[in-house]
Amino acid sequence: MSFTEITVTELAAKIADPDTSCQFVDVREPHELEIATLPRFINLPLSEYADWSPEIYTRLDKDIETLVLCHHGMRSAQMSQWLVERGFTHVSNIIGGIDAYSHHVDPQIARY
């Protein structure tokens, strides 16, 4: 089993839907969040893996759609695969990350 991918346009629709049951995960570093963030995301920085990984099943529901974001889509792809390997059933990597979101959806989001 593997993860799927969604576009930033699809992400924008999910963020805007107050009834979505998705969980949103941002794996970027805290200094990156100071530059640009999106609503509804929890932050699980990859560099802090040792801190949050033992609690992954209490922080996230493995049976709910999980959307994973980073700067360009590489780190989020790594996290997406890691979640699938731990039994998460519906994981999607966000193609192009927050940079693509800023470029294609909301130019008010800072680019870096």
PDB file of N, CA and C in Angstrom:
ATOM      1  N   MET A   1       0.846  -1.190   0.000  1.00  0.00           N
ATOM      2  CA  MET A   1       0.000   0.000   0.000  1.00  0.00           C
ATOM      3  C   MET A   1       0.885   1.245   0.000  1.00  0.00           C
ATOM      4  N   SER A   2       0.434   2.263  -0.679  1.00  0.00           N
ATOM      5  CA  SER A   2       1.208   3.483  -0.770  1.00  0.00           C
ATOM      6  C   SER A   2       0.290   4.681  -0.557  1.00  0.00           C
ATOM      7  N   PHE A   3       0.896   5.833  -0.493  1.00  0.00           N
ATOM      8  CA  PHE A   3       0.117   7.058  -0.338  1.00  0.00           C
ATOM      9  C   PHE A   3      -0.286   7.593  -1.708  1.00  0.00           C
ATOM     10  N   THR A   4      -1.261   8.492  -1.701  1.00  0.00           N
ATOM     11  CA  THR A   4      -1.683   9.169  -2.926  1.00  0.00           C
ATOM     12  C   THR A   4      -1.160  10.598  -2.884  1.00  0.00           C
ATOM     13  N   GLU A   5      -1.454  11.359  -3.930  1.00  0.00           N
ATOM     14  CA  GLU A   5      -1.073  12.765  -3.977  1.00  0.00           C
ATOM     15  C   GLU A   5      -2.287  13.599  -4.330  1.00  0.00           C
ATOM     16  N   ILE A   6      -2.332  14.812  -3.782  1.00  0.00           N
ATOM     17  CA  ILE A   6      -3.385  15.752  -4.141  1.00  0.00           C
ATOM     18  C   ILE A   6      -2.745  17.078  -4.540  1.00  0.00           C
ATOM     19  N   THR A   7      -3.487  17.845  -5.302  1.00  0.00           N
ATOM     20  CA  THR A   7      -2.999  19.153  -5.734  1.00  0.00           C
ATOM     21  C   THR A   7      -3.297  20.190  -4.655  1.00  0.00           C
ATOM     22  N   VAL A   8      -2.656  21.337  -4.777  1.00  0.00           N
ATOM     23  CA  VAL A   8      -2.909  22.415  -3.822  1.00  0.00           C
ATOM     24  C   VAL A   8      -4.322  22.978  -4.001  1.00  0.00           C
ATOM     25  N   THR A   9      -4.879  22.874  -5.184  1.00  0.00           N
ATOM     26  CA  THR A   9      -6.270  23.307  -5.396  1.00  0.00           C
ATOM     27  C   THR A   9      -7.225  22.394  -4.629  1.00  0.00           C
ATOM     28  N   GLU A  10      -6.971  21.092  -4.679  1.00  0.00           N
ATOM     29  CA  GLU A  10      -7.784  20.146  -3.897  1.00  0.00           C
ATOM     30  C   GLU A  10      -7.610  20.407  -2.400  1.00  0.00           C
ATOM     31  N   LEU A  11      -6.384  20.711  -1.988  1.00  0.00           N
ATOM     32  CA  LEU A  11      -6.134  21.041  -0.586  1.00  0.00           C
ATOM     33  C   LEU A  11      -6.936  22.255  -0.160  1.00  0.00           C
ATOM     34  N   ALA A  12      -6.941  23.293  -0.972  1.00  0.00           N
ATOM     35  CA  ALA A  12      -7.672  24.522  -0.633  1.00  0.00           C
ATOM     36  C   ALA A  12      -9.151  24.225  -0.394  1.00  0.00           C
ATOM     37  N   ALA A  13      -9.736  23.357  -1.196  1.00  0.00           N
ATOM     38  CA  ALA A  13     -11.142  22.999  -1.018  1.00  0.00           C
ATOM     39  C   ALA A  13     -11.355  22.267   0.297  1.00  0.00           C
ATOM     40  N   LYS A  14     -10.423  21.402   0.671  1.00  0.00           N
ATOM     41  CA  LYS A  14     -10.552  20.672   1.936  1.00  0.00           C
ATOM     42  C   LYS A  14     -10.380  21.599   3.138  1.00  0.00           C
ATOM     43  N   ILE A  15      -9.446  22.539   3.049  1.00  0.00           N
ATOM     44  CA  ILE A  15      -9.248  23.501   4.137  1.00  0.00           C
ATOM     45  C   ILE A  15     -10.497  24.355   4.314  1.00  0.00           C
ATOM     46  N   ALA A  16     -11.109  24.742   3.212  1.00  0.00           N
ATOM     47  CA  ALA A  16     -12.279  25.625   3.250  1.00  0.00           C
ATOM     48  C   ALA A  16     -13.547  24.925   3.732  1.00  0.00           C
ATOM     49  N   ASP A  17     -13.571  23.599   3.687  1.00  0.00           N
ATOM     50  CA  ASP A  17     -14.762  22.838   4.080  1.00  0.00           C
ATOM     51  C   ASP A  17     -14.752  22.589   5.581  1.00  0.00           C
ATOM     52  N   PRO A  18     -15.639  23.272   6.335  1.00  0.00           N
ATOM     53  CA  PRO A  18     -15.625  23.095   7.787  1.00  0.00           C
ATOM     54  C   PRO A  18     -16.065  21.692   8.217  1.00  0.00           C
ATOM     55  N   ASP A  19     -16.676  20.947   7.322  1.00  0.00           N
ATOM     56  CA  ASP A  19     -17.148  19.609   7.665  1.00  0.00           C
ATOM     57  C   ASP A  19     -16.178  18.501   7.279  1.00  0.00           C
ATOM     58  N   THR A  20     -15.017  18.858   6.727  1.00  0.00           N
ATOM     59  CA  THR A  20     -14.071  17.820   6.344  1.00  0.00           C
ATOM     60  C   THR A  20     -13.558  17.097   7.578  1.00  0.00           C
ATOM     61  N   SER A  21     -13.365  15.816   7.432  1.00  0.00           N
ATOM     62  CA  SER A  21     -12.853  15.032   8.557  1.00  0.00           C
ATOM     63  C   SER A  21     -11.357  14.765   8.411  1.00  0.00           C
ATOM     64  N   CYS A  22     -10.713  15.488   7.517  1.00  0.00           N
ATOM     65  CA  CYS A  22      -9.275  15.312   7.295  1.00  0.00           C
ATOM     66  C   CYS A  22      -8.468  15.785   8.501  1.00  0.00           C
ATOM     67  N   GLN A  23      -7.296  15.183   8.639  1.00  0.00           N
ATOM     68  CA  GLN A  23      -6.300  15.724   9.556  1.00  0.00           C
ATOM     69  C   GLN A  23      -5.152  16.226   8.696  1.00  0.00           C
ATOM     70  N   PHE A  24      -4.662  17.407   9.053  1.00  0.00           N
ATOM     71  CA  PHE A  24      -3.668  18.118   8.267  1.00  0.00           C
ATOM     72  C   PHE A  24      -2.353  18.147   9.040  1.00  0.00           C
ATOM     73  N   VAL A  25      -1.278  17.681   8.413  1.00  0.00           N
ATOM     74  CA  VAL A  25       0.026  17.584   9.074  1.00  0.00           C
ATOM     75  C   VAL A  25       1.054  18.356   8.264  1.00  0.00           C
ATOM     76  N   ASP A  26       1.767  19.253   8.920  1.00  0.00           N
ATOM     77  CA  ASP A  26       2.841  20.033   8.313  1.00  0.00           C
ATOM     78  C   ASP A  26       4.151  19.558   8.926  1.00  0.00           C
ATOM     79  N   VAL A  27       5.071  19.063   8.114  1.00  0.00           N
ATOM     80  CA  VAL A  27       6.324  18.517   8.638  1.00  0.00           C
ATOM     81  C   VAL A  27       7.490  19.505   8.555  1.00  0.00           C
ATOM     82  N   ARG A  28       7.202  20.753   8.223  1.00  0.00           N
ATOM     83  CA  ARG A  28       8.269  21.758   8.133  1.00  0.00           C
ATOM     84  C   ARG A  28       8.770  22.151   9.528  1.00  0.00           C
ATOM     85  N   GLU A  29       9.876  22.833   9.528  1.00  0.00           N
ATOM     86  CA  GLU A  29      10.528  23.257  10.761  1.00  0.00           C
ATOM     87  C   GLU A  29       9.873  24.522  11.322  1.00  0.00           C
ATOM     88  N   PRO A  30       9.986  24.739  12.637  1.00  0.00           N
ATOM     89  CA  PRO A  30       9.373  25.927  13.241  1.00  0.00           C
ATOM     90  C   PRO A  30       9.767  27.240  12.571  1.00  0.00           C
ATOM     91  N   HIS A  31      11.032  27.388  12.168  1.00  0.00           N
ATOM     92  CA  HIS A  31      11.440  28.640  11.512  1.00  0.00           C
ATOM     93  C   HIS A  31      10.733  28.819  10.165  1.00  0.00           C
ATOM     94  N   GLU A  32      10.350  27.728   9.507  1.00  0.00           N
ATOM     95  CA  GLU A  32       9.604  27.828   8.254  1.00  0.00           C
ATOM     96  C   GLU A  32       8.162  28.266   8.524  1.00  0.00           C
ATOM     97  N   LEU A  33       7.602  27.807   9.634  1.00  0.00           N
ATOM     98  CA  LEU A  33       6.237  28.196   9.988  1.00  0.00           C
ATOM     99  C   LEU A  33       6.150  29.684  10.301  1.00  0.00           C
ATOM    100  N   GLU A  34       7.245  30.267  10.764  1.00  0.00           N
ATOM    101  CA  GLU A  34       7.254  31.707  11.016  1.00  0.00           C
ATOM    102  C   GLU A  34       7.104  32.497   9.722  1.00  0.00           C
ATOM    103  N   ILE A  35       7.482  31.907   8.603  1.00  0.00           N
ATOM    104  CA  ILE A  35       7.397  32.576   7.308  1.00  0.00           C
ATOM    105  C   ILE A  35       6.028  32.376   6.672  1.00  0.00           C
ATOM    106  N   ALA A  36       5.526  31.147   6.700  1.00  0.00           N
ATOM    107  CA  ALA A  36       4.275  30.826   5.999  1.00  0.00           C
ATOM    108  C   ALA A  36       3.569  29.656   6.670  1.00  0.00           C
ATOM    109  N   THR A  37       2.278  29.814   6.898  1.00  0.00           N
ATOM    110  CA  THR A  37       1.475  28.731   7.478  1.00  0.00           C
ATOM    111  C   THR A  37       0.113  28.669   6.793  1.00  0.00           C
ATOM    112  N   LEU A  38      -0.530  27.543   6.973  1.00  0.00           N
ATOM    113  CA  LEU A  38      -1.899  27.357   6.520  1.00  0.00           C
ATOM    114  C   LEU A  38      -2.748  26.959   7.718  1.00  0.00           C
ATOM    115  N   PRO A  39      -4.026  27.334   7.725  1.00  0.00           N
ATOM    116  CA  PRO A  39      -4.882  26.992   8.856  1.00  0.00           C
ATOM    117  C   PRO A  39      -5.133  25.490   8.932  1.00  0.00           C
ATOM    118  N   ARG A  40      -5.437  25.028  10.131  1.00  0.00           N
ATOM    119  CA  ARG A  40      -5.885  23.667  10.422  1.00  0.00           C
ATOM    120  C   ARG A  40      -4.769  22.636  10.492  1.00  0.00           C
ATOM    121  N   PHE A  41      -3.530  23.007  10.206  1.00  0.00           N
ATOM    122  CA  PHE A  41      -2.423  22.053  10.226  1.00  0.00           C
ATOM    123  C   PHE A  41      -1.806  21.945  11.613  1.00  0.00           C
ATOM    124  N   ILE A  42      -1.442  20.719  11.999  1.00  0.00           N
ATOM    125  CA  ILE A  42      -0.603  20.526  13.176  1.00  0.00           C
ATOM    126  C   ILE A  42       0.825  20.361  12.680  1.00  0.00           C
ATOM    127  N   ASN A  43       1.776  20.754  13.486  1.00  0.00           N
ATOM    128  CA  ASN A  43       3.170  20.707  13.082  1.00  0.00           C
ATOM    129  C   ASN A  43       3.865  19.528  13.738  1.00  0.00           C
ATOM    130  N   LEU A  44       4.439  18.659  12.903  1.00  0.00           N
ATOM    131  CA  LEU A  44       5.274  17.548  13.347  1.00  0.00           C
ATOM    132  C   LEU A  44       6.578  17.624  12.554  1.00  0.00           C
ATOM    133  N   PRO A  45       7.491  18.501  12.984  1.00  0.00           N
ATOM    134  CA  PRO A  45       8.738  18.691  12.234  1.00  0.00           C
ATOM    135  C   PRO A  45       9.538  17.388  12.148  1.00  0.00           C
ATOM    136  N   LEU A  46      10.036  17.087  10.974  1.00  0.00           N
ATOM    137  CA  LEU A  46      10.808  15.852  10.824  1.00  0.00           C
ATOM    138  C   LEU A  46      12.035  15.830  11.720  1.00  0.00           C
ATOM    139  N   SER A  47      12.634  16.989  11.965  1.00  0.00           N
ATOM    140  CA  SER A  47      13.822  17.026  12.826  1.00  0.00           C
ATOM    141  C   SER A  47      13.502  16.656  14.274  1.00  0.00           C
ATOM    142  N   GLU A  48      12.227  16.698  14.645  1.00  0.00           N
ATOM    143  CA  GLU A  48      11.815  16.358  16.009  1.00  0.00           C
ATOM    144  C   GLU A  48      11.128  14.991  16.066  1.00  0.00           C
ATOM    145  N   TYR A  49      11.426  14.162  15.082  1.00  0.00           N
ATOM    146  CA  TYR A  49      10.839  12.837  14.958  1.00  0.00           C
ATOM    147  C   TYR A  49      10.907  12.038  16.265  1.00  0.00           C
ATOM    148  N   ALA A  50      12.047  12.056  16.924  1.00  0.00           N
ATOM    149  CA  ALA A  50      12.216  11.282  18.156  1.00  0.00           C
ATOM    150  C   ALA A  50      11.242  11.734  19.241  1.00  0.00           C
ATOM    151  N   ASP A  51      10.846  12.995  19.215  1.00  0.00           N
ATOM    152  CA  ASP A  51       9.934  13.524  20.227  1.00  0.00           C
ATOM    153  C   ASP A  51       8.482  13.116  19.973  1.00  0.00           C
ATOM    154  N   TRP A  52       8.022  13.207  18.725  1.00  0.00           N
ATOM    155  CA  TRP A  52       6.602  12.968  18.460  1.00  0.00           C
ATOM    156  C   TRP A  52       6.270  11.569  17.956  1.00  0.00           C
ATOM    157  N   SER A  53       7.220  10.835  17.405  1.00  0.00           N
ATOM    158  CA  SER A  53       6.901   9.534  16.805  1.00  0.00           C
ATOM    159  C   SER A  53       6.309   8.516  17.782  1.00  0.00           C
ATOM    160  N   PRO A  54       6.752   8.457  19.043  1.00  0.00           N
ATOM    161  CA  PRO A  54       6.134   7.480  19.943  1.00  0.00           C
ATOM    162  C   PRO A  54       4.648   7.770  20.218  1.00  0.00           C
ATOM    163  N   GLU A  55       4.218   8.998  19.980  1.00  0.00           N
ATOM    164  CA  GLU A  55       2.836   9.398  20.261  1.00  0.00           C
ATOM    165  C   GLU A  55       1.980   9.498  19.000  1.00  0.00           C
ATOM    166  N   ILE A  56       2.458   8.957  17.875  1.00  0.00           N
ATOM    167  CA  ILE A  56       1.774   9.184  16.608  1.00  0.00           C
ATOM    168  C   ILE A  56       0.327   8.686  16.630  1.00  0.00           C
ATOM    169  N   TYR A  57       0.063   7.587  17.320  1.00  0.00           N
ATOM    170  CA  TYR A  57      -1.301   7.045  17.326  1.00  0.00           C
ATOM    171  C   TYR A  57      -2.233   7.790  18.275  1.00  0.00           C
ATOM    172  N   THR A  58      -1.681   8.583  19.169  1.00  0.00           N
ATOM    173  CA  THR A  58      -2.539   9.424  20.018  1.00  0.00           C
ATOM    174  C   THR A  58      -2.700  10.818  19.415  1.00  0.00           C
ATOM    175  N   ARG A  59      -1.767  11.227  18.603  1.00  0.00           N
ATOM    176  CA  ARG A  59      -1.851  12.547  17.969  1.00  0.00           C
ATOM    177  C   ARG A  59      -2.659  12.522  16.676  1.00  0.00           C
ATOM    178  N   LEU A  60      -2.659  11.367  15.988  1.00  0.00           N
ATOM    179  CA  LEU A  60      -3.372  11.231  14.720  1.00  0.00           C
ATOM    180  C   LEU A  60      -4.196   9.941  14.727  1.00  0.00           C
ATOM    181  N   ASP A  61      -5.300   9.963  13.994  1.00  0.00           N
ATOM    182  CA  ASP A  61      -6.149   8.790  13.835  1.00  0.00           C
ATOM    183  C   ASP A  61      -5.752   8.103  12.539  1.00  0.00           C
ATOM    184  N   LYS A  62      -5.314   6.859  12.614  1.00  0.00           N
ATOM    185  CA  LYS A  62      -4.801   6.176  11.425  1.00  0.00           C
ATOM    186  C   LYS A  62      -5.866   5.886  10.378  1.00  0.00           C
ATOM    187  N   ASP A  63      -7.138   6.004  10.745  1.00  0.00           N
ATOM    188  CA  ASP A  63      -8.218   5.687   9.816  1.00  0.00           C
ATOM    189  C   ASP A  63      -8.878   6.919   9.190  1.00  0.00           C
ATOM    190  N   ILE A  64      -8.390   8.117   9.521  1.00  0.00           N
ATOM    191  CA  ILE A  64      -8.937   9.356   8.953  1.00  0.00           C
ATOM    192  C   ILE A  64      -8.005   9.839   7.847  1.00  0.00           C
ATOM    193  N   GLU A  65      -8.570  10.432   6.819  1.00  0.00           N
ATOM    194  CA  GLU A  65      -7.768  10.972   5.733  1.00  0.00           C
ATOM    195  C   GLU A  65      -6.729  11.944   6.299  1.00  0.00           C
ATOM    196  N   THR A  66      -5.479  11.727   5.936  1.00  0.00           N
ATOM    197  CA  THR A  66      -4.365  12.528   6.436  1.00  0.00           C
ATOM    198  C   THR A  66      -3.658  13.187   5.260  1.00  0.00           C
ATOM    199  N   LEU A  67      -3.558  14.515   5.295  1.00  0.00           N
ATOM    200  CA  LEU A  67      -2.904  15.284   4.248  1.00  0.00           C
ATOM    201  C   LEU A  67      -1.603  15.849   4.803  1.00  0.00           C
ATOM    202  N   VAL A  68      -0.510  15.638   4.083  1.00  0.00           N
ATOM    203  CA  VAL A  68       0.816  15.988   4.596  1.00  0.00           C
ATOM    204  C   VAL A  68       1.461  17.046   3.706  1.00  0.00           C
ATOM    205  N   LEU A  69       1.981  18.094   4.356  1.00  0.00           N
ATOM    206  CA  LEU A  69       2.531  19.276   3.696  1.00  0.00           C
ATOM    207  C   LEU A  69       3.964  19.533   4.128  1.00  0.00           C
ATOM    208  N   CYS A  70       4.767  20.024   3.184  1.00  0.00           N
ATOM    209  CA  CYS A  70       6.084  20.578   3.502  1.00  0.00           C
ATOM    210  C   CYS A  70       6.326  21.754   2.558  1.00  0.00           C
ATOM    211  N   HIS A  71       7.567  22.099   2.317  1.00  0.00           N
ATOM    212  CA  HIS A  71       7.872  23.246   1.471  1.00  0.00           C
ATOM    213  C   HIS A  71       7.612  22.951  -0.018  1.00  0.00           C
ATOM    214  N   HIS A  72       8.165  21.840  -0.518  1.00  0.00           N
ATOM    215  CA  HIS A  72       8.014  21.505  -1.942  1.00  0.00           C
ATOM    216  C   HIS A  72       7.411  20.131  -2.202  1.00  0.00           C
ATOM    217  N   GLY A  73       7.262  19.316  -1.181  1.00  0.00           N
ATOM    218  CA  GLY A  73       6.648  18.004  -1.354  1.00  0.00           C
ATOM    219  C   GLY A  73       7.553  16.818  -1.128  1.00  0.00           C
ATOM    220  N   MET A  74       8.822  17.043  -0.852  1.00  0.00           N
ATOM    221  CA  MET A  74       9.757  15.933  -0.648  1.00  0.00           C
ATOM    222  C   MET A  74       9.674  15.371   0.772  1.00  0.00           C
ATOM    223  N   ARG A  75       9.796  16.232   1.764  1.00  0.00           N
ATOM    224  CA  ARG A  75       9.710  15.762   3.148  1.00  0.00           C
ATOM    225  C   ARG A  75       8.331  15.205   3.451  1.00  0.00           C
ATOM    226  N   SER A  76       7.305  15.832   2.882  1.00  0.00           N
ATOM    227  CA  SER A  76       5.952  15.336   3.114  1.00  0.00           C
ATOM    228  C   SER A  76       5.755  13.964   2.470  1.00  0.00           C
ATOM    229  N   ALA A  77       6.421  13.694   1.363  1.00  0.00           N
ATOM    230  CA  ALA A  77       6.359  12.364   0.748  1.00  0.00           C
ATOM    231  C   ALA A  77       7.011  11.335   1.669  1.00  0.00           C
ATOM    232  N   GLN A  78       8.123  11.700   2.297  1.00  0.00           N
ATOM    233  CA  GLN A  78       8.772  10.801   3.256  1.00  0.00           C
ATOM    234  C   GLN A  78       7.843  10.506   4.431  1.00  0.00           C
ATOM    235  N   MET A  79       7.214  11.548   4.958  1.00  0.00           N
ATOM    236  CA  MET A  79       6.289  11.375   6.075  1.00  0.00           C
ATOM    237  C   MET A  79       5.075  10.556   5.646  1.00  0.00           C
ATOM    238  N   SER A  80       4.570  10.797   4.458  1.00  0.00           N
ATOM    239  CA  SER A  80       3.418  10.047   3.963  1.00  0.00           C
ATOM    240  C   SER A  80       3.743   8.554   3.915  1.00  0.00           C
ATOM    241  N   GLN A  81       4.914   8.219   3.382  1.00  0.00           N
ATOM    242  CA  GLN A  81       5.309   6.811   3.322  1.00  0.00           C
ATOM    243  C   GLN A  81       5.460   6.229   4.721  1.00  0.00           C
ATOM    244  N   TRP A  82       6.041   6.981   5.628  1.00  0.00           N
ATOM    245  CA  TRP A  82       6.225   6.523   7.006  1.00  0.00           C
ATOM    246  C   TRP A  82       4.866   6.224   7.648  1.00  0.00           C
ATOM    247  N   LEU A  83       3.889   7.103   7.436  1.00  0.00           N
ATOM    248  CA  LEU A  83       2.554   6.887   8.000  1.00  0.00           C
ATOM    249  C   LEU A  83       1.905   5.633   7.415  1.00  0.00           C
ATOM    250  N   VAL A  84       2.016   5.450   6.115  1.00  0.00           N
ATOM    251  CA  VAL A  84       1.451   4.249   5.475  1.00  0.00           C
ATOM    252  C   VAL A  84       2.080   2.989   6.067  1.00  0.00           C
ATOM    253  N   GLU A  85       3.381   3.013   6.280  1.00  0.00           N
ATOM    254  CA  GLU A  85       4.081   1.857   6.846  1.00  0.00           C
ATOM    255  C   GLU A  85       3.631   1.551   8.275  1.00  0.00           C
ATOM    256  N   ARG A  86       3.024   2.522   8.931  1.00  0.00           N
ATOM    257  CA  ARG A  86       2.516   2.326  10.289  1.00  0.00           C
ATOM    258  C   ARG A  86       1.006   2.095  10.322  1.00  0.00           C
ATOM    259  N   GLY A  87       0.426   1.818   9.190  1.00  0.00           N
ATOM    260  CA  GLY A  87      -0.966   1.422   9.151  1.00  0.00           C
ATOM    261  C   GLY A  87      -1.979   2.514   8.876  1.00  0.00           C
ATOM    262  N   PHE A  88      -1.512   3.714   8.552  1.00  0.00           N
ATOM    263  CA  PHE A  88      -2.446   4.774   8.192  1.00  0.00           C
ATOM    264  C   PHE A  88      -3.052   4.417   6.836  1.00  0.00           C
ATOM    265  N   THR A  89      -4.365   4.522   6.735  1.00  0.00           N
ATOM    266  CA  THR A  89      -5.061   3.949   5.588  1.00  0.00           C
ATOM    267  C   THR A  89      -5.344   4.916   4.451  1.00  0.00           C
ATOM    268  N   HIS A  90      -5.344   6.205   4.696  1.00  0.00           N
ATOM    269  CA  HIS A  90      -5.679   7.169   3.631  1.00  0.00           C
ATOM    270  C   HIS A  90      -4.780   8.393   3.788  1.00  0.00           C
ATOM    271  N   VAL A  91      -3.594   8.306   3.216  1.00  0.00           N
ATOM    272  CA  VAL A  91      -2.588   9.362   3.341  1.00  0.00           C
ATOM    273  C   VAL A  91      -2.335   9.976   1.975  1.00  0.00           C
ATOM    274  N   SER A  92      -2.315  11.316   1.937  1.00  0.00           N
ATOM    275  CA  SER A  92      -2.021  12.022   0.683  1.00  0.00           C
ATOM    276  C   SER A  92      -0.920  13.052   0.895  1.00  0.00           C
ATOM    277  N   ASN A  93       0.061  13.012  -0.001  1.00  0.00           N
ATOM    278  CA  ASN A  93       1.103  14.023  -0.055  1.00  0.00           C
ATOM    279  C   ASN A  93       0.577  15.195  -0.892  1.00  0.00           C
ATOM    280  N   ILE A  94       0.863  16.414  -0.456  1.00  0.00           N
ATOM    281  CA  ILE A  94       0.416  17.609  -1.170  1.00  0.00           C
ATOM    282  C   ILE A  94       1.504  18.000  -2.179  1.00  0.00           C
ATOM    283  N   ILE A  95       1.175  17.854  -3.450  1.00  0.00           N
ATOM    284  CA  ILE A  95       2.135  18.088  -4.535  1.00  0.00           C
ATOM    285  C   ILE A  95       2.588  19.554  -4.534  1.00  0.00           C
ATOM    286  N   GLY A  96       3.892  19.758  -4.495  1.00  0.00           N
ATOM    287  CA  GLY A  96       4.448  21.111  -4.578  1.00  0.00           C
ATOM    288  C   GLY A  96       4.493  21.862  -3.270  1.00  0.00           C
ATOM    289  N   GLY A  97       3.871  21.310  -2.221  1.00  0.00           N
ATOM    290  CA  GLY A  97       3.928  21.898  -0.890  1.00  0.00           C
ATOM    291  C   GLY A  97       3.364  23.309  -0.787  1.00  0.00           C
ATOM    292  N   ILE A  98       3.772  23.985   0.267  1.00  0.00           N
ATOM    293  CA  ILE A  98       3.252  25.323   0.525  1.00  0.00           C
ATOM    294  C   ILE A  98       3.729  26.313  -0.541  1.00  0.00           C
ATOM    295  N   ASP A  99       4.859  26.017  -1.175  1.00  0.00           N
ATOM    296  CA  ASP A  99       5.333  26.897  -2.245  1.00  0.00           C
ATOM    297  C   ASP A  99       4.334  26.891  -3.407  1.00  0.00           C
ATOM    298  N   ALA A 100       3.859  25.729  -3.797  1.00  0.00           N
ATOM    299  CA  ALA A 100       2.863  25.644  -4.872  1.00  0.00           C
ATOM    300  C   ALA A 100       1.538  26.255  -4.435  1.00  0.00           C
ATOM    301  N   TYR A 101       1.196  26.094  -3.160  1.00  0.00           N
ATOM    302  CA  TYR A 101      -0.042  26.685  -2.649  1.00  0.00           C
ATOM    303  C   TYR A 101       0.007  28.202  -2.803  1.00  0.00           C
ATOM    304  N   SER A 102       1.134  28.788  -2.443  1.00  0.00           N
ATOM    305  CA  SER A 102       1.308  30.233  -2.568  1.00  0.00           C
ATOM    306  C   SER A 102       1.254  30.673  -4.033  1.00  0.00           C
ATOM    307  N   HIS A 103       1.845  29.891  -4.887  1.00  0.00           N
ATOM    308  CA  HIS A 103       1.910  30.240  -6.308  1.00  0.00           C
ATOM    309  C   HIS A 103       0.559  30.069  -7.013  1.00  0.00           C
ATOM    310  N   HIS A 104      -0.166  28.997  -6.705  1.00  0.00           N
ATOM    311  CA  HIS A 104      -1.380  28.650  -7.455  1.00  0.00           C
ATOM    312  C   HIS A 104      -2.688  28.984  -6.754  1.00  0.00           C
ATOM    313  N   VAL A 105      -2.674  29.117  -5.433  1.00  0.00           N
ATOM    314  CA  VAL A 105      -3.929  29.296  -4.699  1.00  0.00           C
ATOM    315  C   VAL A 105      -4.004  30.649  -4.004  1.00  0.00           C
ATOM    316  N   ASP A 106      -3.013  30.971  -3.189  1.00  0.00           N
ATOM    317  CA  ASP A 106      -3.083  32.183  -2.372  1.00  0.00           C
ATOM    318  C   ASP A 106      -1.741  32.918  -2.389  1.00  0.00           C
ATOM    319  N   PRO A 107      -1.591  33.922  -3.254  1.00  0.00           N
ATOM    320  CA  PRO A 107      -0.329  34.645  -3.335  1.00  0.00           C
ATOM    321  C   PRO A 107      -0.005  35.482  -2.086  1.00  0.00           C
ATOM    322  N   GLN A 108      -0.936  35.565  -1.160  1.00  0.00           N
ATOM    323  CA  GLN A 108      -0.668  36.268   0.108  1.00  0.00           C
ATOM    324  C   GLN A 108       0.216  35.426   1.025  1.00  0.00           C
ATOM    325  N   ILE A 109       0.298  34.135   0.766  1.00  0.00           N
ATOM    326  CA  ILE A 109       1.181  33.267   1.544  1.00  0.00           C
ATOM    327  C   ILE A 109       2.611  33.547   1.082  1.00  0.00           C
ATOM    328  N   ALA A 110       3.467  33.872   2.026  1.00  0.00           N
ATOM    329  CA  ALA A 110       4.852  34.206   1.688  1.00  0.00           C
ATOM    330  C   ALA A 110       5.566  33.023   1.061  1.00  0.00           C
ATOM    331  N   ARG A 111       6.409  33.319   0.087  1.00  0.00           N
ATOM    332  CA  ARG A 111       7.239  32.295  -0.532  1.00  0.00           C
ATOM    333  C   ARG A 111       8.665  32.450  -0.010  1.00  0.00           C
ATOM    334  N   TYR A 112       9.347  31.353   0.101  1.00  0.00           N
ATOM    335  CA  TYR A 112      10.741  31.371   0.564  1.00  0.00           C
ATOM    336  C   TYR A 112      11.536  30.285  -0.116  1.00  0.00           C
TER     337      TYR A 112
END
